Protein backbone atom coordinates (compact mmCIF):
# COMPACT_ATOMS: atom_id res chain seq x y z
CA MET A 1 144.33 103.75 49.80
CA ARG A 2 145.41 105.73 52.31
CA ALA A 3 142.05 107.36 52.30
CA ILE A 4 140.43 103.31 53.19
CA ARG A 5 143.07 102.67 55.55
CA ILE A 6 141.94 105.53 57.45
CA PHE A 7 138.68 105.12 57.38
CA GLY A 8 139.53 100.96 59.01
CA PHE A 9 141.16 102.78 61.25
CA ILE A 10 138.32 104.59 62.17
CA SER A 11 135.99 102.13 62.03
CA MET A 12 138.14 99.48 64.25
CA MET A 13 138.64 102.26 67.13
CA GLY A 14 134.75 102.63 66.44
CA MET A 15 133.88 99.27 67.68
CA VAL A 16 136.33 99.09 70.42
CA ALA A 17 134.39 102.43 71.36
CA ILE A 18 130.85 100.59 71.48
CA ALA A 19 132.49 97.07 73.14
CA VAL A 20 133.79 98.83 75.80
CA PHE A 21 130.67 100.95 76.48
CA ALA A 22 128.83 97.88 76.54
CA LEU A 23 130.96 96.63 79.36
CA LYS A 24 130.23 99.76 81.21
CA VAL A 25 126.36 99.47 81.23
CA PRO A 26 124.67 97.19 83.13
CA ALA A 27 122.48 94.21 81.61
CA ALA A 28 119.82 95.41 83.73
CA SER A 29 119.65 98.29 81.22
CA ALA A 30 118.15 96.32 79.45
CA ASN A 31 115.21 94.97 80.76
CA SER A 32 112.76 97.81 82.91
CA GLU A 33 112.42 94.97 85.47
CA THR A 34 114.90 94.12 87.18
CA ILE A 35 116.94 95.56 89.95
CA VAL A 36 120.09 97.58 90.41
CA PRO A 37 120.74 97.69 93.91
CA CYS A 38 123.64 101.23 93.13
CA GLU A 39 125.74 103.07 95.89
CA HIS A 40 125.13 106.57 94.05
CA SER A 41 121.59 108.10 92.08
CA GLU A 42 122.75 107.37 88.73
CA LEU A 43 121.00 107.03 85.36
CA GLU A 44 123.63 103.60 84.32
CA CYS A 45 124.89 102.23 87.74
CA GLU A 46 129.14 101.51 87.76
CA SER A 47 128.99 101.86 91.63
CA PRO A 48 126.69 98.77 92.34
CA LEU A 49 126.81 97.29 96.14
CA PRO A 50 129.52 94.26 96.44
CA ASN A 51 127.63 91.24 95.82
CA PRO A 52 126.83 89.95 98.52
CA THR A 53 125.16 92.06 100.30
CA THR A 54 124.32 92.00 104.25
CA ILE A 55 121.50 95.38 104.89
CA VAL A 56 120.11 95.74 108.50
CA ALA A 57 116.26 97.24 107.61
CA ASN A 58 114.81 99.18 111.09
CA ALA A 59 111.11 99.39 111.86
CA GLU A 60 108.42 100.66 114.65
CA ASN A 61 105.41 100.70 115.39
CA ILE A 62 104.28 97.42 113.60
CA LYS A 63 100.59 96.85 113.76
CA ILE A 64 99.12 93.10 112.54
CA LEU A 65 95.25 94.50 112.65
CA THR A 66 92.58 91.37 112.83
CA ASN A 67 88.78 91.81 113.35
CA ILE A 68 89.65 90.90 117.35
CA GLY A 69 92.40 93.94 117.69
CA THR A 70 95.53 95.01 116.75
CA VAL A 71 99.36 93.46 117.26
CA GLN A 72 101.29 96.06 117.85
CA CYS A 73 105.09 95.66 118.01
CA LEU A 74 107.08 98.76 119.18
CA THR A 75 109.96 97.68 117.35
CA GLY A 76 111.68 95.74 114.43
CA ARG A 77 114.80 94.31 112.97
CA GLN A 78 114.64 92.86 109.77
CA GLU A 79 118.14 91.39 108.32
CA THR A 80 118.53 90.77 104.45
CA THR A 81 121.49 89.72 102.00
CA ILE A 82 121.42 90.69 98.55
CA LEU A 83 123.38 88.96 95.69
CA VAL A 84 123.98 90.67 92.72
CA LYS A 85 124.75 89.10 89.90
CA LEU A 86 125.92 90.71 86.54
CA TRP A 87 124.73 94.19 87.60
CA TRP A 88 121.95 93.07 88.41
CA PHE A 89 118.72 91.34 91.61
CA ASN A 90 115.79 90.66 91.81
CA THR A 91 116.05 88.11 94.82
CA VAL A 92 116.22 88.75 98.26
CA HIS A 93 116.99 86.34 101.30
CA VAL A 94 116.23 86.85 104.24
CA LEU A 95 118.07 85.59 107.22
CA LYS A 96 116.20 87.49 109.88
CA LYS A 97 113.25 88.91 111.18
CA GLU A 98 112.75 90.37 114.81
CA LEU A 99 109.15 91.77 116.40
CA LEU A 100 109.88 93.23 119.66
CA ASP A 101 107.74 95.09 122.50
CA CYS A 102 103.84 93.74 121.13
CA HIS A 103 101.44 93.73 122.37
CA MET A 104 97.26 93.63 121.75
CA GLY A 105 95.25 96.32 124.30
CA SER A 106 96.77 95.78 127.55
CA THR A 107 98.27 92.08 126.85
CA SER A 108 101.61 91.07 126.43
CA CYS A 109 102.07 89.69 122.95
CA THR A 110 105.27 87.61 121.24
CA VAL A 111 106.16 87.42 117.68
CA THR A 112 108.12 84.66 116.54
CA THR A 113 109.37 84.06 113.34
CA ASN A 114 109.19 80.21 112.17
CA ASN A 115 111.39 79.77 108.75
CA PRO A 116 112.40 84.28 107.05
CA GLY A 117 111.44 83.34 103.14
CA THR A 118 112.67 85.70 100.14
CA ILE A 119 111.42 89.06 98.64
CA THR A 120 111.54 89.34 95.14
CA LEU A 121 111.54 92.79 93.80
CA THR A 122 109.75 93.83 89.89
CA LYS A 123 110.55 97.40 89.01
CA THR A 124 107.83 99.78 88.21
CA ALA A 125 109.52 102.65 87.85
CA SER A 126 112.33 105.30 89.16
CA LEU A 127 113.79 104.77 92.28
CA GLU A 128 110.78 101.51 93.09
CA ALA A 129 109.68 98.82 92.82
CA LEU A 130 106.66 95.89 94.21
CA ALA A 131 108.38 93.40 96.18
CA GLN A 132 106.59 89.79 96.91
CA TYR A 133 107.55 88.11 100.24
CA GLU A 134 106.54 84.99 100.44
CA GLY A 135 108.31 81.92 102.13
CA GLU A 136 108.12 83.50 106.10
CA THR A 137 105.77 81.63 108.08
CA PHE A 138 105.61 83.50 112.13
CA THR A 139 103.32 83.03 115.36
CA VAL A 140 101.30 85.50 117.10
CA LYS A 141 100.63 84.08 121.00
CA CYS A 142 99.01 86.94 123.35
CA GLY A 143 97.93 85.90 126.67
CA SER A 144 97.39 81.74 127.25
CA PHE A 145 94.93 81.80 124.58
CA ILE A 146 95.14 83.66 120.93
CA ASN A 147 98.40 81.24 119.28
CA CYS A 148 97.95 82.03 115.66
CA LYS A 149 100.54 80.79 112.58
CA TYR A 150 100.68 83.71 109.87
CA GLY A 151 102.29 83.54 106.82
CA GLY A 152 101.22 82.85 102.60
CA LYS A 153 102.59 85.58 100.37
CA VAL A 154 102.86 89.44 101.26
CA ALA A 155 102.40 91.99 98.72
CA LEU A 156 104.94 95.74 99.57
CA THR A 157 106.61 98.38 97.61
CA ALA A 158 110.21 99.35 97.68
CA HIS A 159 111.49 102.98 97.63
CA SER A 160 114.26 105.36 98.03
CA SER A 161 114.33 108.18 98.00
CA ALA A 162 116.24 111.05 95.89
CA GLU A 163 119.17 111.08 99.17
CA GLY A 164 118.95 107.06 98.85
CA VAL A 165 116.94 105.93 101.55
CA THR A 166 115.67 103.26 100.96
CA ARG A 167 112.15 101.80 102.93
CA LEU A 168 110.08 98.52 102.43
CA LEU A 169 106.33 99.00 103.57
CA ALA A 170 103.17 97.57 103.96
CA SER A 171 99.95 99.41 103.52
CA GLU A 172 97.56 96.54 105.30
CA ALA A 173 98.47 93.71 103.31
CA LYS A 174 97.52 90.50 103.59
CA ILE A 175 98.42 87.92 105.13
CA GLU A 176 97.05 84.32 104.94
CA LYS A 177 96.72 82.70 107.93
CA GLY A 178 97.59 79.24 109.06
CA GLU A 179 96.77 77.06 111.71
CA GLY A 180 96.22 77.51 116.03
CA PHE A 181 94.17 78.81 118.16
CA LEU A 182 91.50 81.46 118.24
CA CYS A 183 92.79 82.70 115.42
CA PRO A 184 91.30 85.74 113.43
CA SER A 185 89.67 84.67 109.96
CA ALA A 186 92.21 87.74 108.04
CA ALA A 187 95.14 89.59 109.44
CA LEU A 188 96.58 93.01 107.61
CA LEU A 189 100.68 94.27 107.80
CA ASP A 190 100.91 97.17 108.26
CA ALA A 191 104.56 98.61 108.47
CA VAL A 192 107.43 100.37 107.19
CA PHE A 193 111.05 98.91 107.41
CA THR A 194 113.86 101.50 106.40
CA PHE A 195 117.86 99.89 105.35
CA LYS A 196 121.05 101.54 106.88
CA GLY A 197 123.04 102.90 104.88
CA THR A 198 122.64 104.66 101.16
CA MET A 199 121.31 102.67 98.38
CA TYR A 200 119.08 103.11 95.84
CA ILE A 201 117.09 101.03 93.28
CA GLU A 202 117.52 101.70 89.98
CA SER A 203 117.69 100.07 86.42
């Protein structure tokens, strides 16, 4: 009888240990495509970012490449909010985006964001994810002639370094043309936005 009681006690303690372990493991660990925004580089994130978290990203030398010329902006700033739910997220809400000091050759340009949009992330590897930017529309004005609206879905990538530097990269990503005057038939976005602070893409 004593052996049976001891066995029953050990079994109960084992179940308690499993339950505690299950609570500590992020829900995202069961799904290789979800994202865990973590303060530290951990196999199983135990220090997720607060909910919600607002993050600012800065960029330099942003380019919008077209068949009639390249619009180059010296600096850029993007403010985003992530909602962390059950240790994971896959959608980032862009609150504000600015591209400043823009020009096409010697002609001054302005790039105005009309609708910031959202970024949907899908994990592809450790510290890496695909990022689909959609819903954003912006207007490019250069001089008195070019006045074009762009938007659509833009394919980006996200990457975290071993030191926790996370970047959002557009490597000549295609932008869809909207309405406007003297607008190029196609445009490509080339930019690297670096998030301030330490953040890792983990799952």
